[in-house]
Amino acid sequence: MHVGAEDINALNDVYRELVELIGYDNAIILYTHYKGQQITFPIKLFKSEYISKILKKQYGGTNAKKLARTYGYSERWIKELVKKS
């Protein structure tokens, strides 16, 4: 299945956005694999276990605020996590 550039506007909005973001071929792969399903993406890209390992290596006692901004977690969560380990 392939459409010409002029047919991209015929796609439903979500698929047109996918084509713009990841290209036609990748959008078709997602469509074929997930059509009919509702997908939600977690706000956090990485598992907290992975972030925990990274923080143990990168935390220097005074950089919790910077790490919080970098990884999208609260400063409090980072300090608690470091305290537990």
Protein backbone atom coordinates (compact mmCIF):
# COMPACT_ATOMS: atom_id res chain seq x y z
CA MET A 1 0.00 0.00 0.00
CA HIS A 2 1.50 3.30 -1.03
CA VAL A 3 -0.04 6.66 -1.73
CA GLY A 4 1.35 9.59 -3.59
CA ALA A 5 2.32 12.84 -1.93
CA GLU A 6 -0.97 14.39 -3.02
CA ASP A 7 -2.86 11.67 -1.12
CA ILE A 8 -1.19 12.33 2.25
CA ASN A 9 -3.91 14.88 3.05
CA ALA A 10 -6.49 12.12 2.58
CA LEU A 11 -5.13 10.30 5.64
CA ASN A 12 -6.86 10.60 8.98
CA ASP A 13 -5.22 13.31 11.06
CA VAL A 14 -3.30 11.03 13.40
CA TYR A 15 -1.78 9.11 10.49
CA ARG A 16 -0.91 12.28 8.62
CA GLU A 17 0.89 13.53 11.74
CA LEU A 18 2.76 10.24 11.99
CA VAL A 19 3.84 10.52 8.36
CA GLU A 20 5.12 14.03 9.06
CA LEU A 21 6.99 12.86 12.17
CA ILE A 22 8.43 9.50 11.18
CA GLY A 23 7.87 9.13 7.45
CA TYR A 24 5.35 7.23 5.39
CA ASP A 25 6.91 3.76 5.61
CA ASN A 26 7.27 3.88 9.41
CA ALA A 27 3.72 5.18 9.79
CA ILE A 28 2.47 2.22 7.76
CA ILE A 29 4.44 -0.18 9.99
CA LEU A 30 2.78 1.31 13.08
CA TYR A 31 -0.62 1.25 11.39
CA THR A 32 -0.24 -2.39 10.36
CA HIS A 33 0.94 -3.49 13.79
CA TYR A 34 -1.37 -1.42 16.03
CA LYS A 35 -4.49 -0.60 13.95
CA GLY A 36 -7.66 -0.77 15.99
CA GLN A 37 -5.82 -0.37 19.29
CA GLN A 38 -5.63 2.66 21.50
CA ILE A 39 -2.08 3.47 22.52
CA THR A 40 -0.93 5.73 25.32
CA PHE A 41 2.68 6.64 25.84
CA PRO A 42 4.04 7.03 29.38
CA ILE A 43 5.37 10.47 30.24
CA LYS A 44 8.66 8.93 31.33
CA LEU A 45 10.74 7.45 28.51
CA PHE A 46 12.96 5.29 30.73
CA LYS A 47 12.07 2.83 33.50
CA SER A 48 12.68 4.12 37.00
CA GLU A 49 15.06 1.20 37.65
CA TYR A 50 17.32 2.44 34.86
CA ILE A 51 17.16 6.03 36.09
CA SER A 52 18.02 4.77 39.57
CA LYS A 53 21.23 3.17 38.26
CA ILE A 54 22.16 6.34 36.37
CA LEU A 55 21.52 8.55 39.40
CA LYS A 56 23.72 6.42 41.62
CA LYS A 57 26.58 7.12 39.22
CA GLN A 58 25.84 10.80 38.58
CA TYR A 59 24.65 12.12 41.94
CA GLY A 60 27.34 14.19 43.61
CA GLY A 61 25.48 15.41 46.67
CA THR A 62 24.63 18.85 45.30
CA ASN A 63 23.33 18.25 41.77
CA ALA A 64 19.84 16.86 42.48
CA LYS A 65 18.16 19.89 40.90
CA LYS A 66 20.14 19.51 37.66
CA LEU A 67 19.47 15.76 37.53
CA ALA A 68 15.77 16.37 38.16
CA ARG A 69 15.59 18.68 35.13
CA THR A 70 17.65 16.33 33.00
CA TYR A 71 15.57 13.22 33.63
CA GLY A 72 12.14 14.74 34.30
CA TYR A 73 11.76 13.66 37.91
CA SER A 74 11.26 15.80 40.98
CA GLU A 75 14.23 16.86 43.04
CA ARG A 76 12.56 15.28 46.06
CA TRP A 77 12.19 11.92 44.27
CA ILE A 78 15.85 11.96 43.31
CA LYS A 79 17.00 12.75 46.85
CA GLU A 80 14.79 9.99 48.27
CA LEU A 81 16.05 7.51 45.73
CA VAL A 82 19.67 8.34 46.50
CA LYS A 83 18.98 8.14 50.22
CA LYS A 84 17.54 4.61 49.82
CA SER A 85 20.58 3.32 47.94
